[in-house]
C-alpha atoms as a PDB file:
ATOM      1  CA  MET A   1       0.000   0.000   0.000  1.00  0.00           C
ATOM      2  CA  ALA A   2       1.326   3.363  -0.976  1.00  0.00           C
ATOM      3  CA  LYS A   3       2.164   5.752   1.758  1.00  0.00           C
ATOM      4  CA  GLN A   4      -0.050   8.852   2.051  1.00  0.00           C
ATOM      5  CA  ASP A   5       1.138  12.290   2.959  1.00  0.00           C
ATOM      6  CA  LYS A   6      -0.057  13.102   6.433  1.00  0.00           C
ATOM      7  CA  ASP A   7      -0.509  16.773   5.503  1.00  0.00           C
ATOM      8  CA  ALA A   8      -3.055  16.003   2.740  1.00  0.00           C
ATOM      9  CA  THR A   9      -6.661  16.716   3.572  1.00  0.00           C
ATOM     10  CA  PHE A  10      -9.761  15.490   1.652  1.00  0.00           C
ATOM     11  CA  VAL A  11     -12.227  18.321   1.335  1.00  0.00           C
ATOM     12  CA  GLY A  12     -14.825  16.850  -1.002  1.00  0.00           C
ATOM     13  CA  ASP A  13     -15.994  13.993  -3.135  1.00  0.00           C
ATOM     14  CA  SER A  14     -16.405  14.286  -6.914  1.00  0.00           C
ATOM     15  CA  ARG A  15     -18.520  11.174  -7.242  1.00  0.00           C
ATOM     16  CA  ILE A  16     -22.044  11.626  -8.670  1.00  0.00           C
ATOM     17  CA  SER A  17     -24.876  10.303  -6.596  1.00  0.00           C
ATOM     18  CA  ALA A  18     -26.725   7.374  -8.111  1.00  0.00           C
ATOM     19  CA  LYS A  19     -30.065   8.804  -6.925  1.00  0.00           C
ATOM     20  CA  ARG A  20     -31.469  11.144  -9.570  1.00  0.00           C
ATOM     21  CA  ILE A  21     -34.054  13.780  -8.542  1.00  0.00           C
ATOM     22  CA  PRO A  22     -36.675  14.526 -11.247  1.00  0.00           C
ATOM     23  CA  ASN A  23     -37.014  18.152 -12.418  1.00  0.00           C
ATOM     24  CA  ILE A  24     -40.392  18.941 -10.871  1.00  0.00           C
ATOM     25  CA  ALA A  25     -41.571  22.494 -10.322  1.00  0.00           C
ATOM     26  CA  PRO A  26     -42.174  23.369  -6.684  1.00  0.00           C
ATOM     27  CA  SER A  27     -45.725  23.434  -5.414  1.00  0.00           C
ATOM     28  CA  TYR A  28     -47.368  26.886  -5.528  1.00  0.00           C
ATOM     29  CA  SER A  29     -48.798  26.191  -2.105  1.00  0.00           C
ATOM     30  CA  ASP A  30     -45.262  26.614  -0.720  1.00  0.00           C
ATOM     31  CA  PHE A  31     -45.329  30.291  -1.782  1.00  0.00           C
ATOM     32  CA  PRO A  32     -48.701  31.681  -0.645  1.00  0.00           C
ATOM     33  CA  GLY A  33     -49.554  35.128  -2.063  1.00  0.00           C
ATOM     34  CA  LYS A  34     -46.396  35.274  -4.206  1.00  0.00           C
ATOM     35  CA  SER A  35     -47.220  33.231  -7.276  1.00  0.00           C
ATOM     36  CA  GLU A  36     -50.029  31.291  -8.949  1.00  0.00           C
ATOM     37  CA  PRO A  37     -50.403  29.125 -12.050  1.00  0.00           C
ATOM     38  CA  PHE A  38     -51.392  30.872 -15.262  1.00  0.00           C
ATOM     39  CA  TRP A  39     -53.992  28.199 -15.978  1.00  0.00           C
ATOM     40  CA  PRO A  40     -56.577  28.110 -14.641  1.00  0.00           C
ATOM     41  CA  ASN A  41     -56.142  30.596 -11.773  1.00  0.00           C
ATOM     42  CA  PHE A  42     -54.902  33.729 -13.573  1.00  0.00           C
ATOM     43  CA  LEU A  43     -56.676  33.214 -16.898  1.00  0.00           C
ATOM     44  CA  LEU A  44     -59.979  32.392 -15.210  1.00  0.00           C
ATOM     45  CA  LYS A  45     -59.873  35.696 -13.315  1.00  0.00           C
ATOM     46  CA  GLU A  46     -59.280  37.576 -16.559  1.00  0.00           C
ATOM     47  CA  TRP A  47     -62.218  35.826 -18.194  1.00  0.00           C
ATOM     48  CA  MET A  48     -64.490  36.652 -15.281  1.00  0.00           C
ATOM     49  CA  VAL A  49     -63.577  40.348 -15.439  1.00  0.00           C
ATOM     50  CA  ALA A  50     -64.152  40.387 -19.209  1.00  0.00           C
ATOM     51  CA  ALA A  51     -67.544  38.688 -18.778  1.00  0.00           C
ATOM     52  CA  VAL A  52     -68.651  41.248 -16.165  1.00  0.00           C
ATOM     53  CA  CYS A  53     -67.590  44.141 -18.421  1.00  0.00           C
ATOM     54  CA  LEU A  54     -69.399  42.612 -21.392  1.00  0.00           C
ATOM     55  CA  VAL A  55     -72.621  42.113 -19.429  1.00  0.00           C
ATOM     56  CA  GLY A  56     -72.416  45.688 -18.132  1.00  0.00           C
ATOM     57  CA  PHE A  57     -71.909  46.993 -21.661  1.00  0.00           C
ATOM     58  CA  LEU A  58     -74.905  45.006 -22.945  1.00  0.00           C
ATOM     59  CA  VAL A  59     -77.084  46.327 -20.094  1.00  0.00           C
ATOM     60  CA  LEU A  60     -76.108  49.908 -20.918  1.00  0.00           C
ATOM     61  CA  THR A  61     -76.785  49.297 -24.602  1.00  0.00           C
ATOM     62  CA  VAL A  62     -80.293  47.992 -23.914  1.00  0.00           C
ATOM     63  CA  SER A  63     -81.191  50.566 -21.253  1.00  0.00           C
ATOM     64  CA  HIS A  64     -79.788  53.579 -23.144  1.00  0.00           C
ATOM     65  CA  PRO A  65     -80.233  53.063 -26.893  1.00  0.00           C
ATOM     66  CA  SER A  66     -78.504  55.352 -29.322  1.00  0.00           C
ATOM     67  CA  PRO A  67     -80.585  58.483 -30.020  1.00  0.00           C
ATOM     68  CA  LEU A  68     -82.118  58.643 -33.464  1.00  0.00           C
ATOM     69  CA  THR A  69     -81.608  61.804 -35.461  1.00  0.00           C
ATOM     70  CA  ASP A  70     -83.665  63.176 -38.329  1.00  0.00           C
ATOM     71  CA  LEU A  71     -84.559  61.213 -41.427  1.00  0.00           C
ATOM     72  CA  ALA A  72     -82.040  61.255 -44.250  1.00  0.00           C
ATOM     73  CA  ASN A  73     -82.812  64.026 -46.720  1.00  0.00           C
ATOM     74  CA  PRO A  74     -80.773  64.162 -49.949  1.00  0.00           C
ATOM     75  CA  ASN A  75     -81.994  67.706 -50.539  1.00  0.00           C
ATOM     76  CA  ASP A  76     -80.639  68.986 -47.228  1.00  0.00           C
ATOM     77  CA  THR A  77     -77.136  70.237 -47.991  1.00  0.00           C
ATOM     78  CA  SER A  78     -76.745  71.810 -44.554  1.00  0.00           C
ATOM     79  CA  PHE A  79     -76.043  68.477 -42.851  1.00  0.00           C
ATOM     80  CA  ILE A  80     -72.488  68.282 -41.509  1.00  0.00           C
ATOM     81  CA  PRO A  81     -71.265  64.687 -41.062  1.00  0.00           C
ATOM     82  CA  LEU A  82     -69.184  63.823 -38.034  1.00  0.00           C
ATOM     83  CA  PRO A  83     -67.240  60.591 -37.412  1.00  0.00           C
ATOM     84  CA  ASP A  84     -67.323  58.669 -34.152  1.00  0.00           C
ATOM     85  CA  TRP A  85     -65.571  60.285 -31.199  1.00  0.00           C
ATOM     86  CA  TYR A  86     -62.524  58.017 -31.343  1.00  0.00           C
ATOM     87  CA  PHE A  87     -61.759  59.222 -34.905  1.00  0.00           C
ATOM     88  CA  LEU A  88     -62.340  62.923 -34.247  1.00  0.00           C
ATOM     89  CA  PHE A  89     -58.634  63.693 -33.891  1.00  0.00           C
ATOM     90  CA  LEU A  90     -57.893  62.202 -37.325  1.00  0.00           C
ATOM     91  CA  TYR A  91     -60.920  64.035 -38.741  1.00  0.00           C
ATOM     92  CA  GLN A  92     -59.560  67.332 -37.415  1.00  0.00           C
ATOM     93  CA  LEU A  93     -56.040  66.527 -38.600  1.00  0.00           C
ATOM     94  CA  LEU A  94     -57.234  66.304 -42.212  1.00  0.00           C
ATOM     95  CA  LYS A  95     -58.544  69.873 -42.046  1.00  0.00           C
ATOM     96  CA  TYR A  96     -55.058  71.350 -41.928  1.00  0.00           C
ATOM     97  CA  PRO A  97     -53.470  72.234 -45.293  1.00  0.00           C
ATOM     98  CA  TRP A  98     -50.275  70.286 -44.584  1.00  0.00           C
ATOM     99  CA  ALA A  99     -52.312  67.068 -44.102  1.00  0.00           C
ATOM    100  CA  ALA A 100     -54.928  67.504 -46.837  1.00  0.00           C
ATOM    101  CA  GLY A 101     -55.134  68.261 -50.540  1.00  0.00           C
ATOM    102  CA  ASP A 102     -51.873  67.290 -52.222  1.00  0.00           C
ATOM    103  CA  TRP A 103     -50.569  66.161 -48.833  1.00  0.00           C
ATOM    104  CA  VAL A 104     -53.544  63.972 -47.959  1.00  0.00           C
ATOM    105  CA  VAL A 105     -51.365  60.846 -47.943  1.00  0.00           C
ATOM    106  CA  LEU A 106     -49.325  62.438 -45.167  1.00  0.00           C
ATOM    107  CA  GLY A 107     -52.440  62.914 -43.021  1.00  0.00           C
ATOM    108  CA  THR A 108     -54.128  59.607 -43.809  1.00  0.00           C
ATOM    109  CA  VAL A 109     -51.203  57.171 -44.010  1.00  0.00           C
ATOM    110  CA  VAL A 110     -47.834  58.556 -42.942  1.00  0.00           C
ATOM    111  CA  ILE A 111     -48.640  60.324 -39.644  1.00  0.00           C
ATOM    112  CA  PRO A 112     -51.132  57.684 -38.347  1.00  0.00           C
ATOM    113  CA  GLY A 113     -48.795  54.923 -39.527  1.00  0.00           C
ATOM    114  CA  ILE A 114     -45.828  56.359 -37.625  1.00  0.00           C
ATOM    115  CA  ALA A 115     -47.918  56.931 -34.495  1.00  0.00           C
ATOM    116  CA  PHE A 116     -49.544  53.502 -34.360  1.00  0.00           C
ATOM    117  CA  GLY A 117     -46.371  51.768 -35.518  1.00  0.00           C
ATOM    118  CA  ALA A 118     -44.395  53.380 -32.699  1.00  0.00           C
ATOM    119  CA  LEU A 119     -47.091  52.315 -30.245  1.00  0.00           C
ATOM    120  CA  MET A 120     -46.839  48.697 -31.394  1.00  0.00           C
ATOM    121  CA  LEU A 121     -43.032  48.736 -31.352  1.00  0.00           C
ATOM    122  CA  ALA A 122     -42.786  50.522 -27.985  1.00  0.00           C
ATOM    123  CA  PRO A 123     -41.640  47.398 -26.069  1.00  0.00           C
ATOM    124  CA  TRP A 124     -38.660  47.050 -28.429  1.00  0.00           C
ATOM    125  CA  LEU A 125     -37.910  50.761 -28.811  1.00  0.00           C
ATOM    126  CA  ASP A 126     -37.863  51.444 -25.074  1.00  0.00           C
ATOM    127  CA  THR A 127     -36.014  48.593 -23.405  1.00  0.00           C
ATOM    128  CA  GLY A 128     -35.243  50.373 -20.144  1.00  0.00           C
ATOM    129  CA  LYS A 129     -35.954  48.463 -16.950  1.00  0.00           C
ATOM    130  CA  ASP A 130     -36.979  51.500 -14.910  1.00  0.00           C
ATOM    131  CA  ARG A 131     -40.707  51.811 -14.390  1.00  0.00           C
ATOM    132  CA  ARG A 132     -40.757  55.339 -13.027  1.00  0.00           C
ATOM    133  CA  PRO A 133     -41.825  57.888 -15.667  1.00  0.00           C
ATOM    134  CA  SER A 134     -39.259  60.377 -14.375  1.00  0.00           C
ATOM    135  CA  ARG A 135     -36.461  57.981 -15.306  1.00  0.00           C
ATOM    136  CA  ARG A 136     -37.809  57.419 -18.818  1.00  0.00           C
ATOM    137  CA  PRO A 137     -37.947  61.004 -20.128  1.00  0.00           C
ATOM    138  CA  VAL A 138     -38.015  60.169 -23.846  1.00  0.00           C
ATOM    139  CA  ALA A 139     -40.849  57.625 -23.694  1.00  0.00           C
ATOM    140  CA  THR A 140     -42.805  59.681 -21.162  1.00  0.00           C
ATOM    141  CA  GLY A 141     -42.405  62.893 -23.159  1.00  0.00           C
ATOM    142  CA  LEU A 142     -43.522  61.292 -26.429  1.00  0.00           C
ATOM    143  CA  MET A 143     -46.533  59.683 -24.775  1.00  0.00           C
ATOM    144  CA  LEU A 144     -47.625  62.921 -23.074  1.00  0.00           C
ATOM    145  CA  THR A 145     -47.184  64.842 -26.326  1.00  0.00           C
ATOM    146  CA  ALA A 146     -49.329  62.308 -28.189  1.00  0.00           C
ATOM    147  CA  LEU A 147     -52.051  62.393 -25.523  1.00  0.00           C
ATOM    148  CA  VAL A 148     -52.157  66.186 -25.458  1.00  0.00           C
ATOM    149  CA  GLY A 149     -52.334  66.285 -29.264  1.00  0.00           C
ATOM    150  CA  ILE A 150     -55.140  63.731 -29.414  1.00  0.00           C
ATOM    151  CA  PHE A 151     -57.171  65.484 -26.730  1.00  0.00           C
ATOM    152  CA  TYR A 152     -56.717  68.870 -28.381  1.00  0.00           C
ATOM    153  CA  LEU A 153     -57.630  67.658 -31.872  1.00  0.00           C
ATOM    154  CA  THR A 154     -60.686  65.842 -30.495  1.00  0.00           C
ATOM    155  CA  TRP A 155     -61.855  68.952 -28.668  1.00  0.00           C
ATOM    156  CA  ALA A 156     -61.183  71.176 -31.684  1.00  0.00           C
ATOM    157  CA  ALA A 157     -63.191  68.903 -33.996  1.00  0.00           C
ATOM    158  CA  ASP A 158     -66.176  68.765 -31.635  1.00  0.00           C
ATOM    159  CA  HIS A 159     -66.064  72.507 -30.931  1.00  0.00           C
ATOM    160  CA  GLU A 160     -65.850  73.430 -34.603  1.00  0.00           C
ATOM    161  CA  HIS A 161     -68.658  71.045 -35.486  1.00  0.00           C
ATOM    162  CA  SER A 162     -70.859  72.510 -32.753  1.00  0.00           C
ATOM    163  CA  LEU A 163     -70.328  76.025 -34.113  1.00  0.00           C
ATOM    164  CA  ASN A 164     -71.028  75.024 -37.708  1.00  0.00           C
ATOM    165  CA  HIS A 165     -74.006  72.872 -36.786  1.00  0.00           C
ATOM    166  CA  ALA A 166     -75.559  75.637 -34.701  1.00  0.00           C
ATOM    167  CA  SER A 167     -75.186  78.144 -37.541  1.00  0.00           C
ATOM    168  CA  SER A 168     -76.702  75.750 -40.058  1.00  0.00           C
ATOM    169  CA  LYS A 169     -79.891  75.377 -38.057  1.00  0.00           C
ATOM    170  CA  GLY A 170     -81.042  78.883 -38.804  1.00  0.00           C
ATOM    171  CA  GLY A 171     -81.853  80.428 -42.130  1.00  0.00           C
ATOM    172  CA  SER A 172     -84.424  77.927 -43.378  1.00  0.00           C
ATOM    173  CA  GLY A 173     -87.358  79.788 -44.839  1.00  0.00           C
ATOM    174  CA  GLY A 174     -90.993  79.323 -44.009  1.00  0.00           C
ATOM    175  CA  HIS A 175     -91.469  76.962 -46.954  1.00  0.00           C
ATOM    176  CA  GLY A 176     -87.873  75.741 -47.194  1.00  0.00           C
ATOM    177  CA  GLY A 177     -86.809  72.142 -46.923  1.00  0.00           C
ATOM    178  CA  GLY A 178     -85.211  73.143 -43.626  1.00  0.00           C
ATOM    179  CA  SER A 179     -82.382  71.647 -41.711  1.00  0.00           C
ATOM    180  CA  GLY A 180     -82.706  68.602 -39.516  1.00  0.00           C
ATOM    181  CA  ALA A 181     -83.819  70.721 -36.551  1.00  0.00           C
ATOM    182  CA  ALA A 182     -86.499  72.725 -38.373  1.00  0.00           C
ATOM    183  CA  ALA A 183     -89.775  72.546 -36.472  1.00  0.00           C
ATOM    184  CA  PRO A 184     -93.258  72.727 -38.037  1.00  0.00           C
ATOM    185  CA  ALA A 185     -94.672  76.242 -38.263  1.00  0.00           C
ATOM    186  CA  ALA A 186     -97.954  75.188 -36.641  1.00  0.00           C
ATOM    187  CA  PRO A 187     -99.278  72.135 -34.767  1.00  0.00           C
ATOM    188  CA  ALA A 188    -100.405  69.411 -37.141  1.00  0.00           C
ATOM    189  CA  ASP A 189    -104.049  68.373 -37.328  1.00  0.00           C
ATOM    190  CA  PRO A 190    -104.148  64.566 -36.995  1.00  0.00           C
ATOM    191  CA  SER A 191    -107.577  64.435 -38.680  1.00  0.00           C
ATOM    192  CA  PHE A 192    -106.370  66.284 -41.792  1.00  0.00           C
ATOM    193  CA  LYS A 193    -106.705  64.320 -45.041  1.00  0.00           C
ATOM    194  CA  PRO A 194    -104.851  65.684 -48.068  1.00  0.00           C
ATOM    195  CA  ASP A 195    -106.141  65.701 -51.628  1.00  0.00           C
ATOM    196  CA  PRO A 196    -104.943  62.963 -54.007  1.00  0.00           C
ATOM    197  CA  LEU A 197    -103.104  65.741 -55.821  1.00  0.00           C
ATOM    198  CA  TRP A 198    -100.777  65.949 -52.829  1.00  0.00           C
ATOM    199  CA  THR A 199    -100.399  62.214 -52.233  1.00  0.00           C
ATOM    200  CA  ALA A 200     -99.124  61.873 -55.804  1.00  0.00           C
ATOM    201  CA  GLN A 201     -96.161  64.144 -54.947  1.00  0.00           C
ATOM    202  CA  THR A 202     -93.802  61.635 -53.315  1.00  0.00           C
ATOM    203  CA  GLY A 203     -90.907  64.073 -53.429  1.00  0.00           C
ATOM    204  CA  CYS A 204     -92.890  66.669 -51.465  1.00  0.00           C
ATOM    205  CA  MET A 205     -94.140  64.148 -48.912  1.00  0.00           C
ATOM    206  CA  GLY A 206     -90.586  63.140 -48.090  1.00  0.00           C
ATOM    207  CA  CYS A 207     -90.010  66.519 -46.379  1.00  0.00           C
ATOM    208  CA  HIS A 208     -93.505  67.787 -45.536  1.00  0.00           C
ATOM    209  CA  GLY A 209     -95.140  64.508 -44.502  1.00  0.00           C
ATOM    210  CA  LYS A 210     -97.814  62.266 -45.941  1.00  0.00           C
ATOM    211  CA  ASN A 211    -100.583  64.363 -44.391  1.00  0.00           C
ATOM    212  CA  MET A 212     -98.666  67.639 -44.798  1.00  0.00           C
ATOM    213  CA  GLU A 213     -97.998  67.612 -41.052  1.00  0.00           C
ATOM    214  CA  GLY A 214     -94.377  68.585 -41.512  1.00  0.00           C
ATOM    215  CA  ALA A 215     -91.193  66.577 -41.022  1.00  0.00           C
ATOM    216  CA  LEU A 216     -87.918  67.958 -42.309  1.00  0.00           C
ATOM    217  CA  GLY A 217     -89.987  70.723 -43.896  1.00  0.00           C
ATOM    218  CA  PRO A 218     -92.689  72.876 -42.262  1.00  0.00           C
ATOM    219  CA  ASN A 219     -96.360  72.087 -41.770  1.00  0.00           C
ATOM    220  CA  LEU A 220     -98.388  72.917 -44.921  1.00  0.00           C
ATOM    221  CA  GLN A 221    -101.881  72.164 -43.655  1.00  0.00           C
ATOM    222  CA  LYS A 222    -102.652  75.906 -43.477  1.00  0.00           C
ATOM    223  CA  ILE A 223    -100.043  77.299 -45.849  1.00  0.00           C
ATOM    224  CA  GLY A 224    -102.772  79.199 -47.743  1.00  0.00           C
ATOM    225  CA  SER A 225    -103.072  81.635 -44.829  1.00  0.00           C
ATOM    226  CA  GLN A 226     -99.433  82.684 -45.396  1.00  0.00           C
ATOM    227  CA  LEU A 227     -98.874  82.483 -49.165  1.00  0.00           C
ATOM    228  CA  ASP A 228    -101.100  82.845 -52.213  1.00  0.00           C
ATOM    229  CA  ALA A 229    -101.052  80.606 -55.288  1.00  0.00           C
ATOM    230  CA  ALA A 230     -98.528  82.723 -57.180  1.00  0.00           C
ATOM    231  CA  GLN A 231     -96.092  82.770 -54.268  1.00  0.00           C
ATOM    232  CA  ILE A 232     -96.436  79.036 -53.727  1.00  0.00           C
ATOM    233  CA  ALA A 233     -95.844  78.377 -57.430  1.00  0.00           C
ATOM    234  CA  GLU A 234     -92.723  80.547 -57.276  1.00  0.00           C
ATOM    235  CA  VAL A 235     -91.377  78.513 -54.344  1.00  0.00           C
ATOM    236  CA  ILE A 236     -92.073  75.223 -56.136  1.00  0.00           C
ATOM    237  CA  LYS A 237     -90.258  76.406 -59.253  1.00  0.00           C
ATOM    238  CA  ASN A 238     -87.235  78.145 -57.758  1.00  0.00           C
ATOM    239  CA  GLY A 239     -87.050  76.762 -54.211  1.00  0.00           C
ATOM    240  CA  LYS A 240     -86.618  78.651 -50.962  1.00  0.00           C
ATOM    241  CA  GLY A 241     -84.180  78.278 -48.070  1.00  0.00           C
ATOM    242  CA  GLN A 242     -82.983  74.676 -48.046  1.00  0.00           C
ATOM    243  CA  MET A 243     -85.741  73.557 -50.429  1.00  0.00           C
ATOM    244  CA  PRO A 244     -84.380  73.064 -53.962  1.00  0.00           C
ATOM    245  CA  GLY A 245     -86.298  74.177 -57.002  1.00  0.00           C
ATOM    246  CA  GLY A 246     -87.271  72.214 -60.080  1.00  0.00           C
ATOM    247  CA  LEU A 247     -88.687  69.179 -58.300  1.00  0.00           C
ATOM    248  CA  ILE A 248     -91.807  69.431 -60.471  1.00  0.00           C
ATOM    249  CA  GLN A 249     -91.313  70.237 -64.155  1.00  0.00           C
ATOM    250  CA  ASP A 250     -94.890  70.248 -65.466  1.00  0.00           C
ATOM    251  CA  GLU A 251     -96.260  73.816 -65.396  1.00  0.00           C
ATOM    252  CA  ALA A 252     -99.880  72.657 -65.291  1.00  0.00           C
ATOM    253  CA  GLU A 253     -99.166  70.363 -62.366  1.00  0.00           C
ATOM    254  CA  ILE A 254     -97.357  73.172 -60.534  1.00  0.00           C
ATOM    255  CA  GLN A 255    -100.345  75.479 -60.991  1.00  0.00           C
ATOM    256  CA  LYS A 256    -102.840  72.882 -59.769  1.00  0.00           C
ATOM    257  CA  LEU A 257    -100.723  72.081 -56.718  1.00  0.00           C
ATOM    258  CA  ALA A 258    -100.192  75.781 -55.944  1.00  0.00           C
ATOM    259  CA  GLU A 259    -103.918  76.514 -56.146  1.00  0.00           C
ATOM    260  CA  TYR A 260    -104.703  73.563 -53.901  1.00  0.00           C
ATOM    261  CA  LEU A 261    -102.129  74.623 -51.293  1.00  0.00           C
ATOM    262  CA  ALA A 262    -103.386  78.226 -51.426  1.00  0.00           C
ATOM    263  CA  SER A 263    -106.879  76.977 -50.580  1.00  0.00           C
ATOM    264  CA  LEU A 264    -105.677  75.488 -47.284  1.00  0.00           C
ATOM    265  CA  LYS A 265    -106.439  78.097 -44.636  1.00  0.00           C
END
């Protein structure tokens, strides 16, 4: 047997144990309040929250239906269309000369594309580990600038539309087609029955009603107390206010209709 140095000391053993321990994840019960499995614990909570929000949205939809506006009138050129609120900022953006006309591609494709593309690529563009906004000045500044711009453009679009819409409500004449908010000149008589001469005028009934009670246009059940036959014929031919002229081309038919309307007093 070989002699061993008495000063040598064994400090470990390099042999591998024959007992192999399987790679099993620790039980989540050993870490209460610190972690939980994604399925089903975490995902089930997300689904429950989404279901509650969906039910609440459906209840609001049923209990508060969208308000109906006036009937569509192709002869009413005073109507000012307005997109949904979440597109108002883009709607206002296209009103500026540098984002419209020859530069419309810049306002419809380039600027929105850069903005939404940067939003989608934000996790890769800003890889900082700090979560405090004060320590991420570039990302925080860009986000605040975008939010301020969106809020301002949305407000500007709504404010401008309100001013234009309010000014378009006035100015419709007594016999004009009228804007969407034009009210009948007098209360309608529910027992009034018009002459077949009127019921044949489908274009007139679209604005003034089947029984001349008024809709987009004024009430004509007693128009003869305001205008005579010649004045009515002039309105039919040339229009008045928002009412276009030339809807009836036959002179004889215009005269008969004007005389009939003038007799309503």
